[in-house]
Protein backbone atom coordinates (compact mmCIF):
# COMPACT_ATOMS: atom_id res chain seq x y z
CA UNK A 1 6.88 -14.78 3.50
CA UNK A 2 7.99 -11.72 1.36
CA UNK A 3 6.81 -8.25 3.43
CA UNK A 4 6.14 -4.98 1.40
CA UNK A 5 5.36 -1.88 2.92
CA UNK A 6 2.61 -0.17 1.46
CA UNK A 7 1.77 3.41 2.25
CA UNK A 8 -1.46 5.69 1.20
CA UNK A 9 -1.38 9.61 1.22
CA UNK A 10 -3.92 12.39 -0.11
CA UNK A 11 -7.01 13.96 0.50
CA UNK A 12 -9.68 11.98 2.53
CA UNK A 13 -12.69 11.06 -0.01
CA UNK A 14 -14.70 7.59 0.14
CA UNK A 15 -13.57 3.98 -1.40
CA UNK A 16 -9.62 4.44 -0.68
CA UNK A 17 -9.63 1.16 1.41
CA UNK A 18 -11.66 -0.69 -0.64
CA UNK A 19 -9.83 0.27 -3.91
CA UNK A 20 -6.40 -0.32 -2.05
CA UNK A 21 -7.93 -3.74 -0.89
CA UNK A 22 -9.47 -4.83 -3.65
CA UNK A 23 -6.28 -4.56 -5.39
CA UNK A 24 -4.61 -6.58 -3.26
CA UNK A 25 -6.95 -9.39 -2.69
CA UNK A 26 -7.35 -9.55 -6.97
CA UNK A 27 -3.86 -10.15 -6.73
CA UNK A 28 -3.47 -12.67 -3.66
CA UNK A 29 -1.70 -10.03 -1.42
CA UNK A 30 -2.81 -10.86 2.50
CA UNK A 31 -2.69 -7.79 4.72
CA UNK A 32 -0.94 -8.70 7.64
CA UNK A 33 -1.51 -5.04 9.52
CA UNK A 34 -2.68 -2.09 8.70
CA UNK A 35 -3.15 1.34 10.55
CA UNK A 36 -5.07 4.75 9.50
CA UNK A 37 -6.07 7.93 10.24
CA UNK A 38 -7.51 11.16 9.09
CA UNK A 39 -6.30 14.30 10.15
CA UNK A 40 -7.75 17.58 8.96
CA UNK A 41 -8.94 15.97 6.18
CA UNK A 42 -6.13 14.45 5.23
CA UNK A 43 -6.14 10.65 4.96
CA UNK A 44 -3.21 8.38 6.01
CA UNK A 45 -2.75 4.72 6.13
CA UNK A 46 0.00 2.10 6.28
CA UNK A 47 -0.10 -1.87 5.81
CA UNK A 48 2.74 -4.12 5.75
CA UNK A 49 1.38 -7.03 3.58
CA UNK A 50 2.60 -10.58 2.26
CA UNK A 51 3.09 -10.68 -1.55
CA UNK A 52 4.45 -14.44 -1.43
CA UNK A 53 1.21 -16.04 -2.85
CA UNK A 54 1.43 -13.14 -5.52
CA UNK A 55 2.23 -13.91 -9.24
CA UNK A 56 3.20 -10.51 -9.62
CA UNK A 57 7.06 -9.09 -9.17
CA UNK A 58 7.31 -6.10 -6.56
CA UNK A 59 8.55 -3.36 -8.94
CA UNK A 60 4.82 -4.98 -11.03
CA UNK A 61 3.08 -4.46 -8.24
CA UNK A 62 4.29 -1.28 -6.69
CA UNK A 63 3.85 0.50 -10.38
CA UNK A 64 -0.24 -1.00 -10.48
CA UNK A 65 -0.38 0.68 -7.02
CA UNK A 66 1.08 4.10 -7.93
CA UNK A 67 -1.25 3.98 -11.06
CA UNK A 68 -4.06 3.44 -8.52
CA UNK A 69 -2.95 6.22 -6.57
CA UNK A 70 -3.04 8.57 -9.38
CA UNK A 71 -6.17 7.54 -10.34
CA UNK A 72 -8.26 8.03 -7.40
CA UNK A 73 -6.29 11.10 -6.85
CA UNK A 74 -3.28 10.11 -3.54
CA UNK A 75 -0.36 9.13 -3.84
CA UNK A 76 0.46 5.01 -3.10
CA UNK A 77 4.04 3.57 -2.76
CA UNK A 78 5.29 0.13 -1.72
CA UNK A 79 8.35 -0.95 -0.47
CA UNK A 80 10.25 -4.08 0.18
CA UNK A 81 10.10 -4.66 4.32
CA UNK A 82 13.97 -4.85 4.45
CA UNK A 83 14.43 -1.86 2.61
CA UNK A 84 11.84 0.10 4.17
CA UNK A 85 13.49 -0.91 7.50
CA UNK A 86 16.90 0.54 6.35
CA UNK A 87 15.70 3.43 5.48
CA UNK A 88 13.96 4.39 8.81
CA UNK A 89 16.80 3.26 10.92
CA UNK A 90 17.67 5.96 13.77
């Protein structure tokens, strides 16, 4: 399993989850866990995904998700699970 953390933040609008999930499905990326909230008009989503079946490397996935975020007006970041955990340790 190759885990990646994906975060999506921005003004709430119709279709954010659908567009991100369509990208993941098209690239054989499995969603393991997902959490999303809308707070005072701002959308925030965090996903744990498995990229083992994807033919793309992490950098390509991260870049394409960032581009998708620019297209739909949100910020999307993808970090490898182990790096995310190291950065957020207390």
